[in-house]
């Protein structure tokens, strides 16, 4: 396979990354709508849209802010193009979380809003990561060189860890674990989303060492510090599961 992959449709050449990113948003949203139609949502339509707006604003700011901080060397040459080009899922999730919780306080919602978003997020992330994989080296989410038999050459002659495929596998394993736990008995309100966030943050903390990231002298990257901050936020839930 040639990387980055492009989909040819007549005279048009569409980057697979863009196509899968659009597909991720579409499938994630459709799954959310389907789930909500089959559940008793204690949050009304108006409040849901307000929460969505808060999540979108927080995710946009968090994703781009952490994406810029992920590459400190570029800060001295900061411009709006760098801001728009750099984004990260961890920043989007944590920024979205802050946006949601802030919005809920403003509008007076006191129940969890994340459970309905858990599986849509997992599907959207998995489809989006497939797009990142097809983008190859141009996306900047590839792994370090590797001699493992499943390492992939993205076009520069160097086999690398297919970290995006690792993440897709992890996401579906996480979804399966959540479903298995739910079949054992109903989870408390909000616990489905908490399990997802804790699992994803743990994953991103450790997989960062398989990526060509920038690390501070004490051995951690900006993404890893953000993951630790998110895990600290969920510390009570982590202690509850560990006990």
Protein backbone atom coordinates (compact mmCIF):
# COMPACT_ATOMS: atom_id res chain seq x y z
CA UNK A 1 0.00 0.00 0.00
CA UNK A 2 1.18 3.51 -0.83
CA UNK A 3 1.11 6.10 1.95
CA UNK A 4 -0.53 8.58 2.23
CA UNK A 5 -3.50 6.83 0.70
CA UNK A 6 -5.83 8.74 -1.62
CA UNK A 7 -9.28 7.70 -2.81
CA UNK A 8 -9.77 8.32 -6.53
CA UNK A 9 -13.26 9.27 -7.71
CA UNK A 10 -13.14 10.27 -11.36
CA UNK A 11 -10.96 13.38 -11.64
CA UNK A 12 -10.90 13.84 -7.86
CA UNK A 13 -8.25 12.56 -5.47
CA UNK A 14 -9.54 12.61 -1.89
CA UNK A 15 -7.10 12.04 0.99
CA UNK A 16 -8.23 8.96 2.91
CA UNK A 17 -7.45 10.82 6.13
CA UNK A 18 -10.03 13.50 5.35
CA UNK A 19 -12.60 10.95 4.21
CA UNK A 20 -12.26 8.84 7.36
CA UNK A 21 -12.32 11.91 9.58
CA UNK A 22 -15.65 12.95 8.08
CA UNK A 23 -16.91 9.37 8.36
CA UNK A 24 -15.88 9.31 12.04
CA UNK A 25 -17.99 12.36 12.85
CA UNK A 26 -20.95 10.99 10.88
CA UNK A 27 -20.93 7.49 12.36
CA UNK A 28 -20.32 8.76 15.88
CA UNK A 29 -23.24 11.16 15.68
CA UNK A 30 -25.60 8.62 14.11
CA UNK A 31 -24.78 6.09 16.82
CA UNK A 32 -25.44 8.71 19.48
CA UNK A 33 -28.85 9.57 17.94
CA UNK A 34 -29.77 5.88 17.73
CA UNK A 35 -28.75 5.23 21.34
CA UNK A 36 -30.64 8.24 22.64
CA UNK A 37 -33.79 7.18 20.82
CA UNK A 38 -33.65 3.88 22.70
CA UNK A 39 -33.01 5.30 26.17
CA UNK A 40 -34.62 7.54 28.76
CA UNK A 41 -32.42 10.59 28.68
CA UNK A 42 -32.94 12.76 31.79
CA UNK A 43 -31.48 15.71 29.88
CA UNK A 44 -33.87 17.51 27.54
CA UNK A 45 -33.11 18.48 23.93
CA UNK A 46 -32.28 22.11 24.67
CA UNK A 47 -29.88 21.18 27.46
CA UNK A 48 -28.27 18.53 25.28
CA UNK A 49 -27.54 21.05 22.55
CA UNK A 50 -26.10 23.48 25.09
CA UNK A 51 -23.89 20.71 26.43
CA UNK A 52 -22.84 19.81 22.88
CA UNK A 53 -21.85 23.41 22.24
CA UNK A 54 -19.82 23.50 25.45
CA UNK A 55 -18.16 20.20 24.54
CA UNK A 56 -17.35 21.37 21.00
CA UNK A 57 -15.86 24.66 22.18
CA UNK A 58 -13.81 22.98 24.90
CA UNK A 59 -12.65 20.20 22.58
CA UNK A 60 -11.58 22.67 19.89
CA UNK A 61 -9.59 24.83 22.29
CA UNK A 62 -8.14 21.92 24.25
CA UNK A 63 -7.16 19.95 21.17
CA UNK A 64 -5.29 22.83 19.53
CA UNK A 65 -3.77 24.21 22.73
CA UNK A 66 -2.31 20.87 23.77
CA UNK A 67 -1.33 20.20 20.17
CA UNK A 68 0.79 23.36 20.15
CA UNK A 69 2.26 22.66 23.59
CA UNK A 70 3.13 19.15 22.38
CA UNK A 71 5.82 20.75 20.21
CA UNK A 72 7.52 23.40 22.37
CA UNK A 73 10.18 24.08 19.71
CA UNK A 74 7.49 25.65 17.50
CA UNK A 75 6.25 28.06 20.16
CA UNK A 76 8.94 30.63 19.36
CA UNK A 77 7.64 30.75 15.77
CA UNK A 78 3.99 30.74 16.78
CA UNK A 79 1.41 31.77 14.22
CA UNK A 80 -2.22 30.88 13.55
CA UNK A 81 -1.26 28.24 10.98
CA UNK A 82 0.69 26.32 13.61
CA UNK A 83 -2.29 26.65 15.97
CA UNK A 84 -4.69 25.20 13.39
CA UNK A 85 -2.36 22.46 12.13
CA UNK A 86 -1.56 21.03 15.57
CA UNK A 87 -4.23 19.16 17.48
CA UNK A 88 -4.44 16.11 19.70
CA UNK A 89 -7.21 13.80 20.85
CA UNK A 90 -6.16 13.92 24.50
CA UNK A 91 -6.50 17.71 24.49
CA UNK A 92 -9.86 17.40 22.75
CA UNK A 93 -11.20 14.94 25.32
CA UNK A 94 -9.97 16.88 28.34
CA UNK A 95 -10.99 20.23 26.86
CA UNK A 96 -14.39 18.80 25.98
CA UNK A 97 -14.75 17.49 29.53
CA UNK A 98 -14.03 20.94 30.95
CA UNK A 99 -16.47 22.50 28.48
CA UNK A 100 -19.22 20.04 29.39
CA UNK A 101 -18.81 20.36 33.15
CA UNK A 102 -18.71 24.16 32.92
CA UNK A 103 -21.84 24.24 30.75
CA UNK A 104 -23.70 21.86 33.06
CA UNK A 105 -23.00 24.09 36.04
CA UNK A 106 -24.26 27.13 34.16
CA UNK A 107 -27.52 25.50 32.99
CA UNK A 108 -28.12 23.55 36.20
CA UNK A 109 -27.72 19.95 34.98
CA UNK A 110 -26.62 17.63 37.78
CA UNK A 111 -26.66 14.21 36.08
CA UNK A 112 -23.99 12.66 33.91
CA UNK A 113 -24.16 13.50 30.22
CA UNK A 114 -21.28 11.31 29.08
CA UNK A 115 -22.69 7.79 29.14
CA UNK A 116 -24.60 8.25 25.87
CA UNK A 117 -21.43 9.60 24.24
CA UNK A 118 -19.10 6.76 25.26
CA UNK A 119 -19.66 4.26 22.43
CA UNK A 120 -20.11 6.98 19.79
CA UNK A 121 -16.75 8.41 20.88
CA UNK A 122 -15.11 5.00 20.69
CA UNK A 123 -16.44 4.39 17.18
CA UNK A 124 -15.48 7.89 16.02
CA UNK A 125 -11.97 7.59 17.47
CA UNK A 126 -11.42 4.17 15.88
CA UNK A 127 -12.57 5.31 12.42
CA UNK A 128 -10.56 8.52 12.75
CA UNK A 129 -7.44 6.59 13.73
CA UNK A 130 -7.84 4.45 10.63
CA UNK A 131 -7.65 7.68 8.66
CA UNK A 132 -4.52 8.66 10.60
CA UNK A 133 -2.98 5.32 9.69
CA UNK A 134 -3.70 5.80 5.98
CA UNK A 135 -2.13 9.28 6.19
CA UNK A 136 1.23 7.68 6.98
CA UNK A 137 4.05 10.00 7.97
CA UNK A 138 2.24 13.17 6.90
CA UNK A 139 -0.14 12.99 9.86
CA UNK A 140 2.61 12.90 12.48
CA UNK A 141 0.93 10.15 14.50
CA UNK A 142 3.16 7.29 13.35
CA UNK A 143 5.29 5.17 15.67
CA UNK A 144 8.99 4.72 16.25
CA UNK A 145 11.11 2.41 14.08
CA UNK A 146 10.57 -1.25 14.89
CA UNK A 147 11.89 -4.66 13.87
CA UNK A 148 8.67 -6.45 14.83
CA UNK A 149 7.15 -8.57 12.03
CA UNK A 150 4.03 -6.39 11.87
CA UNK A 151 5.94 -3.11 11.59
CA UNK A 152 4.87 -1.03 8.60
CA UNK A 153 6.91 1.00 6.12
CA UNK A 154 5.01 4.25 5.55
CA UNK A 155 7.09 5.17 2.51
CA UNK A 156 10.47 6.19 3.90
CA UNK A 157 11.95 2.69 3.95
CA UNK A 158 11.81 2.44 7.75
CA UNK A 159 9.41 -0.10 9.34
CA UNK A 160 7.56 1.50 12.26
CA UNK A 161 5.13 0.62 15.00
CA UNK A 162 1.57 0.95 13.57
CA UNK A 163 0.46 2.78 16.71
CA UNK A 164 -2.83 3.86 15.14
CA UNK A 165 -3.77 0.22 14.55
CA UNK A 166 -2.73 -0.54 18.13
CA UNK A 167 -5.12 2.17 19.29
CA UNK A 168 -8.02 0.85 17.22
CA UNK A 169 -7.51 -2.58 18.80
CA UNK A 170 -7.36 -1.03 22.26
CA UNK A 171 -10.56 0.99 21.68
CA UNK A 172 -12.60 -2.05 20.69
CA UNK A 173 -11.14 -4.02 23.61
CA UNK A 174 -12.16 -1.16 25.91
CA UNK A 175 -15.68 -1.14 24.43
CA UNK A 176 -15.92 -4.91 24.94
CA UNK A 177 -14.75 -4.56 28.55
CA UNK A 178 -17.39 -1.90 29.25
CA UNK A 179 -20.14 -4.06 27.72
CA UNK A 180 -18.99 -7.09 29.71
CA UNK A 181 -19.08 -5.05 32.93
CA UNK A 182 -22.57 -3.73 32.11
CA UNK A 183 -23.89 -7.26 31.56
CA UNK A 184 -22.85 -8.10 35.12
CA UNK A 185 -25.14 -5.39 36.43
CA UNK A 186 -26.11 -1.76 35.77
CA UNK A 187 -23.31 0.75 36.24
CA UNK A 188 -23.82 3.92 38.29
CA UNK A 189 -24.76 7.02 36.30
CA UNK A 190 -21.69 8.36 34.52
CA UNK A 191 -19.51 5.31 35.18
CA UNK A 192 -19.45 4.14 31.55
CA UNK A 193 -17.86 7.40 30.44
CA UNK A 194 -15.44 7.42 33.38
CA UNK A 195 -14.21 3.92 32.51
CA UNK A 196 -13.67 5.01 28.92
CA UNK A 197 -11.73 8.14 29.90
CA UNK A 198 -9.56 6.31 32.45
CA UNK A 199 -8.80 3.49 30.02
CA UNK A 200 -7.98 5.87 27.17
CA UNK A 201 -5.78 8.13 29.30
CA UNK A 202 -3.83 5.17 30.64
CA UNK A 203 -3.36 3.92 27.08
CA UNK A 204 -2.15 7.26 25.77
CA UNK A 205 0.24 7.67 28.68
CA UNK A 206 2.08 4.43 27.89
CA UNK A 207 1.85 4.39 24.08
CA UNK A 208 3.50 7.81 23.98
CA UNK A 209 6.86 6.05 24.45
CA UNK A 210 6.31 4.30 21.11
CA UNK A 211 6.00 7.64 19.28
CA UNK A 212 8.63 10.20 18.20
CA UNK A 213 7.36 12.70 20.76
CA UNK A 214 9.21 15.55 22.46
CA UNK A 215 10.06 14.70 26.08
CA UNK A 216 11.00 16.91 28.99
CA UNK A 217 14.34 16.18 30.73
CA UNK A 218 12.45 14.22 33.41
CA UNK A 219 11.26 11.76 30.75
CA UNK A 220 7.61 12.67 30.15
CA UNK A 221 5.92 14.39 27.23
CA UNK A 222 3.28 17.11 27.28
CA UNK A 223 0.64 14.52 26.35
CA UNK A 224 1.70 12.30 29.24
CA UNK A 225 1.46 15.18 31.69
CA UNK A 226 -2.05 15.93 30.40
CA UNK A 227 -2.96 12.25 30.82
CA UNK A 228 -1.73 12.33 34.41
CA UNK A 229 -3.82 15.44 35.07
CA UNK A 230 -6.89 13.68 33.67
CA UNK A 231 -6.20 10.54 35.71
CA UNK A 232 -5.83 12.68 38.83
CA UNK A 233 -9.27 14.14 38.11
CA UNK A 234 -10.66 10.59 38.09
CA UNK A 235 -8.58 9.46 41.09
CA UNK A 236 -11.61 8.55 43.24
CA UNK A 237 -12.99 6.28 40.54
CA UNK A 238 -9.58 4.64 40.05
CA UNK A 239 -9.24 4.02 43.80
CA UNK A 240 -12.78 2.60 43.86
CA UNK A 241 -11.97 0.06 41.14
CA UNK A 242 -8.60 -0.77 42.67
CA UNK A 243 -10.06 -1.46 46.12
